[in-house]
PDB file of N, CA and C in Angstrom:
ATOM      1  N   MET A   1      79.521 113.136  79.792  1.00  0.00           N
ATOM      2  CA  MET A   1      80.097 114.056  80.363  1.00  0.00           C
ATOM      3  C   MET A   1      81.694 113.995  80.216  1.00  0.00           C
ATOM      4  N   VAL A   2      82.010 115.158  79.916  1.00  0.00           N
ATOM      5  CA  VAL A   2      83.435 115.156  79.446  1.00  0.00           C
ATOM      6  C   VAL A   2      84.492 115.026  80.817  1.00  0.00           C
ATOM      7  N   LEU A   3      85.239 114.056  80.867  1.00  0.00           N
ATOM      8  CA  LEU A   3      86.205 113.743  81.955  1.00  0.00           C
ATOM      9  C   LEU A   3      87.882 114.395  81.336  1.00  0.00           C
ATOM     10  N   ALA A   4      87.727 115.610  81.940  1.00  0.00           N
ATOM     11  CA  ALA A   4      89.214 116.419  81.704  1.00  0.00           C
ATOM     12  C   ALA A   4      89.859 116.083  83.278  1.00  0.00           C
ATOM     13  N   SER A   5      91.344 115.660  83.094  1.00  0.00           N
ATOM     14  CA  SER A   5      91.544 115.281  84.307  1.00  0.00           C
ATOM     15  C   SER A   5      93.289 116.257  84.245  1.00  0.00           C
ATOM     16  N   ALA A   6      93.663 116.422  85.601  1.00  0.00           N
ATOM     17  CA  ALA A   6      94.772 117.094  85.799  1.00  0.00           C
ATOM     18  C   ALA A   6      95.797 116.068  86.895  1.00  0.00           C
ATOM     19  N   LEU A   7      96.711 116.215  86.326  1.00  0.00           N
ATOM     20  CA  LEU A   7      97.775 115.159  86.694  1.00  0.00           C
ATOM     21  C   LEU A   7      98.339 115.766  87.823  1.00  0.00           C
ATOM     22  N   LEU A   8      98.504 115.283  88.851  1.00  0.00           N
ATOM     23  CA  LEU A   8      99.349 115.787  90.357  1.00  0.00           C
ATOM     24  C   LEU A   8     100.665 114.643  89.929  1.00  0.00           C
ATOM     25  N   VAL A   9     101.792 115.699  89.992  1.00  0.00           N
ATOM     26  CA  VAL A   9     103.082 115.101  89.457  1.00  0.00           C
ATOM     27  C   VAL A   9     104.062 114.977  90.623  1.00  0.00           C
ATOM     28  N   THR A  10     104.356 114.016  91.030  1.00  0.00           N
ATOM     29  CA  THR A  10     105.334 113.908  92.421  1.00  0.00           C
ATOM     30  C   THR A  10     106.364 112.838  91.721  1.00  0.00           C
ATOM     31  N   GLY A  11     106.792 113.035  90.654  1.00  0.00           N
ATOM     32  CA  GLY A  11     108.117 112.201  89.943  1.00  0.00           C
ATOM     33  C   GLY A  11     107.485 111.245  89.058  1.00  0.00           C
ATOM     34  N   CYS A  12     106.155 110.913  89.144  1.00  0.00           N
ATOM     35  CA  CYS A  12     105.811 110.099  88.050  1.00  0.00           C
ATOM     36  C   CYS A  12     104.119 110.421  88.063  1.00  0.00           C
ATOM     37  N   ALA A  13     103.678 110.086  86.663  1.00  0.00           N
ATOM     38  CA  ALA A  13     102.205 110.338  86.572  1.00  0.00           C
ATOM     39  C   ALA A  13     101.614 109.282  87.335  1.00  0.00           C
ATOM     40  N   VAL A  14     100.310 110.174  88.105  1.00  0.00           N
ATOM     41  CA  VAL A  14      99.345 109.734  88.836  1.00  0.00           C
ATOM     42  C   VAL A  14      97.912 109.551  88.379  1.00  0.00           C
ATOM     43  N   ASP A  15      97.212 108.149  87.885  1.00  0.00           N
ATOM     44  CA  ASP A  15      96.041 107.940  87.325  1.00  0.00           C
ATOM     45  C   ASP A  15      94.822 108.166  88.086  1.00  0.00           C
ATOM     46  N   THR A  16      94.329 109.702  87.294  1.00  0.00           N
ATOM     47  CA  THR A  16      93.421 110.523  88.260  1.00  0.00           C
ATOM     48  C   THR A  16      92.067 109.757  87.389  1.00  0.00           C
ATOM     49  N   THR A  17      91.878 108.974  86.569  1.00  0.00           N
ATOM     50  CA  THR A  17      90.624 108.690  85.562  1.00  0.00           C
ATOM     51  C   THR A  17      89.941 108.165  86.508  1.00  0.00           C
ATOM     52  N   ALA A  18      90.240 106.916  87.442  1.00  0.00           N
ATOM     53  CA  ALA A  18      89.353 106.342  88.224  1.00  0.00           C
ATOM     54  C   ALA A  18      88.400 107.034  89.340  1.00  0.00           C
ATOM     55  N   PRO A  19      89.063 107.809  90.049  1.00  0.00           N
ATOM     56  CA  PRO A  19      88.523 108.519  90.965  1.00  0.00           C
ATOM     57  C   PRO A  19      87.533 109.571  90.256  1.00  0.00           C
ATOM     58  N   ALA A  20      87.862 109.926  89.072  1.00  0.00           N
ATOM     59  CA  ALA A  20      87.130 111.032  88.228  1.00  0.00           C
ATOM     60  C   ALA A  20      85.574 110.269  87.990  1.00  0.00           C
ATOM     61  N   ARG A  21      85.743 109.155  87.337  1.00  0.00           N
ATOM     62  CA  ARG A  21      85.064 108.340  86.966  1.00  0.00           C
ATOM     63  C   ARG A  21      83.866 108.109  88.173  1.00  0.00           C
ATOM     64  N   THR A  22      84.507 107.525  89.160  1.00  0.00           N
ATOM     65  CA  THR A  22      83.776 107.535  90.302  1.00  0.00           C
ATOM     66  C   THR A  22      82.823 108.599  90.663  1.00  0.00           C
ATOM     67  N   ALA A  23      83.468 109.883  90.591  1.00  0.00           N
ATOM     68  CA  ALA A  23      82.782 111.057  91.106  1.00  0.00           C
ATOM     69  C   ALA A  23      81.592 111.271  90.163  1.00  0.00           C
ATOM     70  N   VAL A  24      81.843 111.361  88.959  1.00  0.00           N
ATOM     71  CA  VAL A  24      81.074 111.484  87.704  1.00  0.00           C
ATOM     72  C   VAL A  24      79.704 110.368  87.930  1.00  0.00           C
ATOM     73  N   ARG A  25      79.752 109.041  88.298  1.00  0.00           N
ATOM     74  CA  ARG A  25      79.047 108.368  88.486  1.00  0.00           C
ATOM     75  C   ARG A  25      78.189 108.499  89.402  1.00  0.00           C
ATOM     76  N   PHE A  26      79.005 108.862  90.413  1.00  0.00           N
ATOM     77  CA  PHE A  26      78.048 109.021  91.754  1.00  0.00           C
ATOM     78  C   PHE A  26      76.967 109.987  91.722  1.00  0.00           C
ATOM     79  N   HIS A  27      77.459 111.349  91.062  1.00  0.00           N
ATOM     80  CA  HIS A  27      76.409 112.343  90.830  1.00  0.00           C
ATOM     81  C   HIS A  27      75.752 112.065  89.394  1.00  0.00           C
ATOM     82  N   THR A  28      75.839 111.249  88.503  1.00  0.00           N
ATOM     83  CA  THR A  28      75.048 110.832  87.703  1.00  0.00           C
ATOM     84  C   THR A  28      73.670 109.912  88.442  1.00  0.00           C
ATOM     85  N   ALA A  29      74.221 108.932  89.091  1.00  0.00           N
ATOM     86  CA  ALA A  29      73.359 107.968  89.762  1.00  0.00           C
ATOM     87  C   ALA A  29      72.262 109.523  91.000  1.00  0.00           C
ATOM     88  N   VAL A  30      72.816 110.153  91.524  1.00  0.00           N
ATOM     89  CA  VAL A  30      71.766 111.449  92.046  1.00  0.00           C
ATOM     90  C   VAL A  30      71.081 111.797  91.285  1.00  0.00           C
ATOM     91  N   SER A  31      71.695 112.400  90.325  1.00  0.00           N
ATOM     92  CA  SER A  31      70.630 112.989  89.065  1.00  0.00           C
ATOM     93  C   SER A  31      69.215 112.312  88.718  1.00  0.00           C
ATOM     94  N   ALA A  32      69.691 110.785  88.422  1.00  0.00           N
ATOM     95  CA  ALA A  32      68.834 110.152  87.903  1.00  0.00           C
ATOM     96  C   ALA A  32      68.102 109.360  89.066  1.00  0.00           C
ATOM     97  N   GLY A  33      68.173 109.620  90.221  1.00  0.00           N
ATOM     98  CA  GLY A  33      67.127 109.634  91.360  1.00  0.00           C
ATOM     99  C   GLY A  33      67.582 108.021  91.659  1.00  0.00           C
ATOM    100  N   GLN A  34      68.681 107.508  91.438  1.00  0.00           N
ATOM    101  CA  GLN A  34      69.181 106.078  91.717  1.00  0.00           C
ATOM    102  C   GLN A  34      69.821 106.182  92.857  1.00  0.00           C
ATOM    103  N   MET A  35      69.368 106.601  94.176  1.00  0.00           N
ATOM    104  CA  MET A  35      69.899 106.911  95.483  1.00  0.00           C
ATOM    105  C   MET A  35      70.658 105.704  96.122  1.00  0.00           C
ATOM    106  N   GLU A  36      70.139 104.421  95.698  1.00  0.00           N
ATOM    107  CA  GLU A  36      70.596 103.125  96.433  1.00  0.00           C
ATOM    108  C   GLU A  36      72.313 102.702  95.340  1.00  0.00           C
ATOM    109  N   ASN A  37      72.208 103.269  94.127  1.00  0.00           N
ATOM    110  CA  ASN A  37      73.283 103.408  93.329  1.00  0.00           C
ATOM    111  C   ASN A  37      74.334 104.176  94.146  1.00  0.00           C
ATOM    112  N   ALA A  38      73.879 105.219  94.455  1.00  0.00           N
ATOM    113  CA  ALA A  38      74.730 106.294  94.643  1.00  0.00           C
ATOM    114  C   ALA A  38      75.520 105.961  95.858  1.00  0.00           C
ATOM    115  N   CYS A  39      74.254 105.453  97.067  1.00  0.00           N
ATOM    116  CA  CYS A  39      74.785 105.266  97.901  1.00  0.00           C
ATOM    117  C   CYS A  39      75.928 103.737  98.240  1.00  0.00           C
ATOM    118  N   ALA A  40      75.995 102.708  97.140  1.00  0.00           N
ATOM    119  CA  ALA A  40      76.738 102.322  96.889  1.00  0.00           C
ATOM    120  C   ALA A  40      78.190 102.397  96.733  1.00  0.00           C
ATOM    121  N   MET A  41      78.619 103.740  96.246  1.00  0.00           N
ATOM    122  CA  MET A  41      79.476 104.099  95.926  1.00  0.00           C
ATOM    123  C   MET A  41      79.995 105.060  96.959  1.00  0.00           C
ATOM    124  N   LEU A  42      79.626 105.082  98.264  1.00  0.00           N
ATOM    125  CA  LEU A  42      79.977 105.897  99.086  1.00  0.00           C
ATOM    126  C   LEU A  42      80.753 104.921  99.905  1.00  0.00           C
ATOM    127  N   SER A  43      81.720 105.505 100.820  1.00  0.00           N
ATOM    128  CA  SER A  43      82.535 104.634 101.696  1.00  0.00           C
ATOM    129  C   SER A  43      81.604 103.935 102.763  1.00  0.00           C
ATOM    130  N   ALA A  44      82.001 103.206 103.576  1.00  0.00           N
ATOM    131  CA  ALA A  44      81.278 102.122 104.485  1.00  0.00           C
ATOM    132  C   ALA A  44      80.774 103.591 105.687  1.00  0.00           C
ATOM    133  N   GLU A  45      81.892 103.981 106.004  1.00  0.00           N
ATOM    134  CA  GLU A  45      81.681 105.074 107.200  1.00  0.00           C
ATOM    135  C   GLU A  45      80.426 106.084 106.546  1.00  0.00           C
ATOM    136  N   THR A  46      80.677 106.577 105.335  1.00  0.00           N
ATOM    137  CA  THR A  46      80.159 108.042 104.942  1.00  0.00           C
ATOM    138  C   THR A  46      78.505 107.364 104.827  1.00  0.00           C
ATOM    139  N   ALA A  47      78.368 105.840 104.338  1.00  0.00           N
ATOM    140  CA  ALA A  47      77.386 105.623 104.487  1.00  0.00           C
ATOM    141  C   ALA A  47      76.358 105.550 105.542  1.00  0.00           C
ATOM    142  N   GLU A  48      77.321 104.592 106.775  1.00  0.00           N
ATOM    143  CA  GLU A  48      76.572 104.626 108.072  1.00  0.00           C
ATOM    144  C   GLU A  48      76.209 106.005 108.416  1.00  0.00           C
ATOM    145  N   ARG A  49      77.035 107.103 108.452  1.00  0.00           N
ATOM    146  CA  ARG A  49      76.719 107.999 109.327  1.00  0.00           C
ATOM    147  C   ARG A  49      76.015 109.175 108.517  1.00  0.00           C
ATOM    148  N   LEU A  50      75.634 108.868 107.317  1.00  0.00           N
ATOM    149  CA  LEU A  50      74.664 109.754 106.508  1.00  0.00           C
ATOM    150  C   LEU A  50      73.394 109.815 106.891  1.00  0.00           C
ATOM    151  N   PRO A  51      72.473 108.652 106.974  1.00  0.00           N
ATOM    152  CA  PRO A  51      71.216 108.627 107.451  1.00  0.00           C
ATOM    153  C   PRO A  51      70.645 109.058 108.915  1.00  0.00           C
ATOM    154  N   GLY A  52      69.669 109.685 109.089  1.00  0.00           N
ATOM    155  CA  GLY A  52      69.382 110.202 110.366  1.00  0.00           C
ATOM    156  C   GLY A  52      68.488 109.025 110.762  1.00  0.00           C
ATOM    157  N   PRO A  53      67.664 109.134 112.297  1.00  0.00           N
ATOM    158  CA  PRO A  53      67.415 108.129 112.751  1.00  0.00           C
ATOM    159  C   PRO A  53      65.928 107.935 112.106  1.00  0.00           C
ATOM    160  N   GLY A  54      66.076 106.740 111.952  1.00  0.00           N
ATOM    161  CA  GLY A  54      64.661 105.640 110.830  1.00  0.00           C
ATOM    162  C   GLY A  54      64.920 105.850 109.784  1.00  0.00           C
ATOM    163  N   GLN A  55      66.114 106.640 108.795  1.00  0.00           N
ATOM    164  CA  GLN A  55      66.142 106.569 107.437  1.00  0.00           C
ATOM    165  C   GLN A  55      67.114 105.980 107.066  1.00  0.00           C
ATOM    166  N   SER A  56      67.099 105.501 105.580  1.00  0.00           N
ATOM    167  CA  SER A  56      67.968 104.546 104.937  1.00  0.00           C
ATOM    168  C   SER A  56      68.904 105.756 104.145  1.00  0.00           C
ATOM    169  N   CYS A  57      70.157 105.181 104.136  1.00  0.00           N
ATOM    170  CA  CYS A  57      71.137 106.150 103.273  1.00  0.00           C
ATOM    171  C   CYS A  57      70.330 106.586 102.162  1.00  0.00           C
ATOM    172  N   ALA A  58      69.880 105.771 101.262  1.00  0.00           N
ATOM    173  CA  ALA A  58      69.050 106.797  99.871  1.00  0.00           C
ATOM    174  C   ALA A  58      68.137 107.664 100.375  1.00  0.00           C
ATOM    175  N   GLU A  59      67.446 107.620 101.407  1.00  0.00           N
ATOM    176  CA  GLU A  59      66.190 108.412 101.906  1.00  0.00           C
ATOM    177  C   GLU A  59      67.167 109.724 102.199  1.00  0.00           C
ATOM    178  N   ALA A  60      68.071 109.508 102.874  1.00  0.00           N
ATOM    179  CA  ALA A  60      68.931 110.458 103.550  1.00  0.00           C
ATOM    180  C   ALA A  60      69.807 111.439 102.228  1.00  0.00           C
ATOM    181  N   LEU A  61      69.961 110.743 101.274  1.00  0.00           N
ATOM    182  CA  LEU A  61      70.833 111.311 100.189  1.00  0.00           C
ATOM    183  C   LEU A  61      69.742 112.299  99.047  1.00  0.00           C
ATOM    184  N   ARG A  62      68.424 111.886  99.366  1.00  0.00           N
ATOM    185  CA  ARG A  62      67.731 112.210  98.722  1.00  0.00           C
ATOM    186  C   ARG A  62      67.038 113.565  98.873  1.00  0.00           C
ATOM    187  N   ALA A  63      67.004 113.341 100.411  1.00  0.00           N
ATOM    188  CA  ALA A  63      66.686 114.569 101.194  1.00  0.00           C
ATOM    189  C   ALA A  63      67.419 116.061 100.997  1.00  0.00           C
ATOM    190  N   LEU A  64      68.913 115.330 100.694  1.00  0.00           N
ATOM    191  CA  LEU A  64      69.746 116.156 100.759  1.00  0.00           C
ATOM    192  C   LEU A  64      69.607 117.506  99.314  1.00  0.00           C
ATOM    193  N   ARG A  65      69.121 116.872  98.789  1.00  0.00           N
ATOM    194  CA  ARG A  65      69.071 117.425  97.307  1.00  0.00           C
ATOM    195  C   ARG A  65      70.372 118.051  96.729  1.00  0.00           C
ATOM    196  N   LEU A  66      71.379 117.320  96.259  1.00  0.00           N
ATOM    197  CA  LEU A  66      72.695 117.921  96.067  1.00  0.00           C
ATOM    198  C   LEU A  66      72.497 118.521  94.879  1.00  0.00           C
ATOM    199  N   ARG A  67      73.335 119.747  94.429  1.00  0.00           N
ATOM    200  CA  ARG A  67      73.499 120.171  93.322  1.00  0.00           C
ATOM    201  C   ARG A  67      73.746 119.033  92.183  1.00  0.00           C
ATOM    202  N   PRO A  68      73.356 119.388  90.980  1.00  0.00           N
ATOM    203  CA  PRO A  68      74.072 118.931  89.885  1.00  0.00           C
ATOM    204  C   PRO A  68      75.856 118.692  89.794  1.00  0.00           C
ATOM    205  N   GLY A  69      76.356 118.184  89.713  1.00  0.00           N
ATOM    206  CA  GLY A  69      78.067 117.553  89.584  1.00  0.00           C
ATOM    207  C   GLY A  69      78.331 118.446  88.281  1.00  0.00           C
ATOM    208  N   GLY A  70      78.177 118.486  87.287  1.00  0.00           N
ATOM    209  CA  GLY A  70      78.901 118.292  86.132  1.00  0.00           C
ATOM    210  C   GLY A  70      80.126 118.032  85.490  1.00  0.00           C
ATOM    211  N   ASP A  71      80.759 118.755  84.639  1.00  0.00           N
ATOM    212  CA  ASP A  71      81.922 118.590  84.369  1.00  0.00           C
ATOM    213  C   ASP A  71      83.094 117.967  85.198  1.00  0.00           C
ATOM    214  N   VAL A  72      84.094 117.359  85.318  1.00  0.00           N
ATOM    215  CA  VAL A  72      85.164 117.393  86.136  1.00  0.00           C
ATOM    216  C   VAL A  72      86.042 118.693  85.329  1.00  0.00           C
ATOM    217  N   THR A  73      86.407 119.260  86.631  1.00  0.00           N
ATOM    218  CA  THR A  73      87.676 120.441  85.907  1.00  0.00           C
ATOM    219  C   THR A  73      88.875 120.190  86.638  1.00  0.00           C
ATOM    220  N   GLU A  74      89.236 118.920  87.678  1.00  0.00           N
ATOM    221  CA  GLU A  74      90.707 118.878  88.178  1.00  0.00           C
ATOM    222  C   GLU A  74      90.367 117.611  89.013  1.00  0.00           C
ATOM    223  N   VAL A  75      91.469 117.024  89.146  1.00  0.00           N
ATOM    224  CA  VAL A  75      91.535 116.172  89.648  1.00  0.00           C
ATOM    225  C   VAL A  75      92.770 115.795  90.629  1.00  0.00           C
ATOM    226  N   SER A  76      93.005 115.890  91.977  1.00  0.00           N
ATOM    227  CA  SER A  76      94.215 115.757  92.695  1.00  0.00           C
ATOM    228  C   SER A  76      94.275 114.268  93.464  1.00  0.00           C
ATOM    229  N   VAL A  77      95.218 113.416  93.353  1.00  0.00           N
ATOM    230  CA  VAL A  77      95.568 112.447  93.855  1.00  0.00           C
ATOM    231  C   VAL A  77      96.546 112.451  94.971  1.00  0.00           C
ATOM    232  N   TRP A  78      96.528 112.040  96.073  1.00  0.00           N
ATOM    233  CA  TRP A  78      97.864 111.839  97.002  1.00  0.00           C
ATOM    234  C   TRP A  78      97.451 110.465  97.736  1.00  0.00           C
ATOM    235  N   GLY A  79      98.701 109.240  97.468  1.00  0.00           N
ATOM    236  CA  GLY A  79      98.353 107.966  98.222  1.00  0.00           C
ATOM    237  C   GLY A  79      97.358 107.654  97.688  1.00  0.00           C
ATOM    238  N   GLY A  80      96.302 107.371  98.593  1.00  0.00           N
ATOM    239  CA  GLY A  80      95.229 106.722  98.487  1.00  0.00           C
ATOM    240  C   GLY A  80      93.794 107.504  98.744  1.00  0.00           C
ATOM    241  N   ASP A  81      94.181 108.717  98.446  1.00  0.00           N
ATOM    242  CA  ASP A  81      92.942 109.619  98.689  1.00  0.00           C
ATOM    243  C   ASP A  81      92.861 110.962  97.429  1.00  0.00           C
ATOM    244  N   ALA A  82      91.595 111.340  96.844  1.00  0.00           N
ATOM    245  CA  ALA A  82      91.863 111.931  95.851  1.00  0.00           C
ATOM    246  C   ALA A  82      90.507 113.037  96.188  1.00  0.00           C
ATOM    247  N   GLN A  83      91.140 113.984  95.546  1.00  0.00           N
ATOM    248  CA  GLN A  83      89.829 115.181  95.732  1.00  0.00           C
ATOM    249  C   GLN A  83      89.314 115.644  93.827  1.00  0.00           C
ATOM    250  N   VAL A  84      88.088 115.569  93.738  1.00  0.00           N
ATOM    251  CA  VAL A  84      87.684 115.756  92.432  1.00  0.00           C
ATOM    252  C   VAL A  84      86.632 117.049  92.469  1.00  0.00           C
ATOM    253  N   ARG A  85      87.168 117.890  91.733  1.00  0.00           N
ATOM    254  CA  ARG A  85      86.447 118.968  91.429  1.00  0.00           C
ATOM    255  C   ARG A  85      85.566 119.076  90.118  1.00  0.00           C
ATOM    256  N   LEU A  86      84.021 119.029  90.448  1.00  0.00           N
ATOM    257  CA  LEU A  86      83.224 119.311  89.442  1.00  0.00           C
ATOM    258  C   LEU A  86      82.673 120.641  89.210  1.00  0.00           C
ATOM    259  N   THR A  87      82.232 120.903  88.139  1.00  0.00           N
ATOM    260  CA  THR A  87      81.753 122.455  87.991  1.00  0.00           C
ATOM    261  C   THR A  87      80.698 122.989  89.054  1.00  0.00           C
ATOM    262  N   GLY A  88      80.262 121.865  89.278  1.00  0.00           N
ATOM    263  CA  GLY A  88      78.826 122.140  90.624  1.00  0.00           C
ATOM    264  C   GLY A  88      79.064 121.468  91.889  1.00  0.00           C
ATOM    265  N   ASP A  89      80.585 120.850  92.271  1.00  0.00           N
ATOM    266  CA  ASP A  89      80.540 120.203  93.225  1.00  0.00           C
ATOM    267  C   ASP A  89      82.222 119.707  93.599  1.00  0.00           C
ATOM    268  N   THR A  90      82.595 119.598  95.053  1.00  0.00           N
ATOM    269  CA  THR A  90      84.059 118.909  95.190  1.00  0.00           C
ATOM    270  C   THR A  90      83.600 117.887  95.719  1.00  0.00           C
ATOM    271  N   LEU A  91      84.368 116.654  95.606  1.00  0.00           N
ATOM    272  CA  LEU A  91      83.787 115.268  96.498  1.00  0.00           C
ATOM    273  C   LEU A  91      85.656 115.016  96.712  1.00  0.00           C
ATOM    274  N   PHE A  92      85.533 114.519  97.870  1.00  0.00           N
ATOM    275  CA  PHE A  92      86.658 113.653  98.270  1.00  0.00           C
ATOM    276  C   PHE A  92      86.653 111.944  98.229  1.00  0.00           C
ATOM    277  N   LEU A  93      87.165 111.435  97.761  1.00  0.00           N
ATOM    278  CA  LEU A  93      87.711 110.008  97.674  1.00  0.00           C
ATOM    279  C   LEU A  93      88.142 109.268  98.519  1.00  0.00           C
ATOM    280  N   HIS A  94      88.284 107.805  98.562  1.00  0.00           N
ATOM    281  CA  HIS A  94      89.400 107.338  99.208  1.00  0.00           C
ATOM    282  C   HIS A  94      89.357 105.919  98.214  1.00  0.00           C
ATOM    283  N   ARG A  95      90.373 105.094  98.057  1.00  0.00           N
ATOM    284  CA  ARG A  95      90.991 103.979  97.677  1.00  0.00           C
ATOM    285  C   ARG A  95      91.069 103.239  98.353  1.00  0.00           C
ATOM    286  N   PHE A  96      89.733 102.174  98.436  1.00  0.00           N
ATOM    287  CA  PHE A  96      90.175 100.767  99.148  1.00  0.00           C
ATOM    288  C   PHE A  96      90.084  99.721  98.288  1.00  0.00           C
ATOM    289  N   GLY A  97      91.645  99.218  98.184  1.00  0.00           N
ATOM    290  CA  GLY A  97      91.796  98.265  97.309  1.00  0.00           C
ATOM    291  C   GLY A  97      91.873  98.673  95.839  1.00  0.00           C
ATOM    292  N   ASP A  98      90.898  98.035  95.052  1.00  0.00           N
ATOM    293  CA  ASP A  98      91.040  98.710  93.273  1.00  0.00           C
ATOM    294  C   ASP A  98      89.665  99.694  93.234  1.00  0.00           C
ATOM    295  N   VAL A  99      89.070  99.966  94.478  1.00  0.00           N
ATOM    296  CA  VAL A  99      87.888 100.628  94.193  1.00  0.00           C
ATOM    297  C   VAL A  99      88.056 101.828  94.827  1.00  0.00           C
ATOM    298  N   TRP A 100      87.648 103.077  94.346  1.00  0.00           N
ATOM    299  CA  TRP A 100      87.647 104.338  94.930  1.00  0.00           C
ATOM    300  C   TRP A 100      86.073 104.399  95.591  1.00  0.00           C
ATOM    301  N   ARG A 101      86.011 105.286  96.466  1.00  0.00           N
ATOM    302  CA  ARG A 101      84.358 105.454  97.183  1.00  0.00           C
ATOM    303  C   ARG A 101      84.574 106.656  97.548  1.00  0.00           C
ATOM    304  N   VAL A 102      83.241 107.423  97.483  1.00  0.00           N
ATOM    305  CA  VAL A 102      83.344 108.689  97.879  1.00  0.00           C
ATOM    306  C   VAL A 102      83.166 108.867  99.382  1.00  0.00           C
ATOM    307  N   ARG A 103      83.902 109.624 100.046  1.00  0.00           N
ATOM    308  CA  ARG A 103      84.115 109.740 101.482  1.00  0.00           C
ATOM    309  C   ARG A 103      83.107 111.430 101.642  1.00  0.00           C
ATOM    310  N   ALA A 104      83.212 112.010 100.710  1.00  0.00           N
ATOM    311  CA  ALA A 104      82.299 113.422 101.091  1.00  0.00           C
ATOM    312  C   ALA A 104      82.035 114.039  99.832  1.00  0.00           C
ATOM    313  N   ALA A 105      80.564 114.368  99.701  1.00  0.00           N
ATOM    314  CA  ALA A 105      80.335 115.211  98.561  1.00  0.00           C
ATOM    315  C   ALA A 105      79.421 116.581  99.101  1.00  0.00           C
ATOM    316  N   GLY A 106      79.100 117.244  97.892  1.00  0.00           N
ATOM    317  CA  GLY A 106      78.278 118.571  98.429  1.00  0.00           C
ATOM    318  C   GLY A 106      79.189 119.424  98.978  1.00  0.00           C
ATOM    319  N   CYS A 107      80.582 119.318  98.892  1.00  0.00           N
ATOM    320  CA  CYS A 107      81.477 119.815  99.455  1.00  0.00           C
ATOM    321  C   CYS A 107      81.774 121.189  99.094  1.00  0.00           C
ATOM    322  N   GLU A 108      81.781 122.747  99.509  1.00  0.00           N
ATOM    323  CA  GLU A 108      81.950 123.938  99.006  1.00  0.00           C
ATOM    324  C   GLU A 108      83.329 124.370  99.948  1.00  0.00           C
ATOM    325  N   SER A 109      84.067 125.064  99.343  1.00  0.00           N
ATOM    326  CA  SER A 109      85.113 125.838 100.089  1.00  0.00           C
ATOM    327  C   SER A 109      84.919 126.783 101.071  1.00  0.00           C
ATOM    328  N   VAL A 110      85.423 126.905 102.205  1.00  0.00           N
ATOM    329  CA  VAL A 110      85.042 128.243 103.240  1.00  0.00           C
ATOM    330  C   VAL A 110      86.367 128.656 103.401  1.00  0.00           C
ATOM    331  N   ARG A 111      86.638 129.617 102.893  1.00  0.00           N
ATOM    332  CA  ARG A 111      87.765 130.908 102.901  1.00  0.00           C
ATOM    333  C   ARG A 111      88.761 129.967 103.097  1.00  0.00           C
ATOM    334  N   ASP A 112      89.766 130.091 104.594  1.00  0.00           N
ATOM    335  CA  ASP A 112      90.920 129.411 105.225  1.00  0.00           C
ATOM    336  C   ASP A 112      90.520 128.411 105.840  1.00  0.00           C
ATOM    337  N   LEU A 113      89.578 127.711 106.124  1.00  0.00           N
ATOM    338  CA  LEU A 113      89.050 126.418 106.773  1.00  0.00           C
ATOM    339  C   LEU A 113      88.444 125.301 106.049  1.00  0.00           C
ATOM    340  N   PRO A 114      88.660 124.412 106.314  1.00  0.00           N
ATOM    341  CA  PRO A 114      88.220 123.047 105.592  1.00  0.00           C
ATOM    342  C   PRO A 114      86.792 123.117 105.036  1.00  0.00           C
ATOM    343  N   TYR A 115      86.609 122.383 104.123  1.00  0.00           N
ATOM    344  CA  TYR A 115      85.599 122.415 103.196  1.00  0.00           C
ATOM    345  C   TYR A 115      84.469 121.918 104.041  1.00  0.00           C
ATOM    346  N   ASP A 116      83.217 122.565 103.827  1.00  0.00           N
ATOM    347  CA  ASP A 116      81.881 122.184 104.239  1.00  0.00           C
ATOM    348  C   ASP A 116      81.272 121.582 103.618  1.00  0.00           C
ATOM    349  N   CYS A 117      80.955 120.074 103.768  1.00  0.00           N
ATOM    350  CA  CYS A 117      80.221 118.768 103.248  1.00  0.00           C
ATOM    351  C   CYS A 117      79.080 118.577 103.725  1.00  0.00           C
ATOM    352  N   GLU A 118      78.033 118.155 102.398  1.00  0.00           N
ATOM    353  CA  GLU A 118      76.654 117.648 102.964  1.00  0.00           C
ATOM    354  C   GLU A 118      76.833 116.294 103.438  1.00  0.00           C
ATOM    355  N   VAL A 119      77.773 115.564 102.405  1.00  0.00           N
ATOM    356  CA  VAL A 119      77.762 114.329 102.795  1.00  0.00           C
ATOM    357  C   VAL A 119      79.170 113.823 103.583  1.00  0.00           C
ATOM    358  N   GLU A 120      80.052 113.599 104.172  1.00  0.00           N
ATOM    359  CA  GLU A 120      81.059 113.509 105.066  1.00  0.00           C
ATOM    360  C   GLU A 120      80.869 112.101 105.904  1.00  0.00           C
ATOM    361  N   ASP A 121      82.371 111.614 106.031  1.00  0.00           N
ATOM    362  CA  ASP A 121      82.251 110.560 107.055  1.00  0.00           C
ATOM    363  C   ASP A 121      82.449 110.942 108.246  1.00  0.00           C
TER     364      ASP A 121
END
């Protein structure tokens, strides 16, 4: 997959590569059926809220049948948060120390309202 990134400029260049890589790795794991690996890339809050009664995170993620992510089209980073737009999905991530974790995936823009996400904390 091609990692194209956009820079959010706030006086200095912001590294958009790490959140973009995490988003692509998340979707690569989902597409390969490696749901345990995909769950490991979720924030702890998101991984805890995802499963329904009697389900593991991996089972819940598999049941969602997320669309393929595709190529990175845009990355915006502000502080410890990021939005990564792929051709098939929009993800929201948060930086925990040196690691980016997915907080929301399977997100679609809903006109003037916040995004509607399949996976979120």
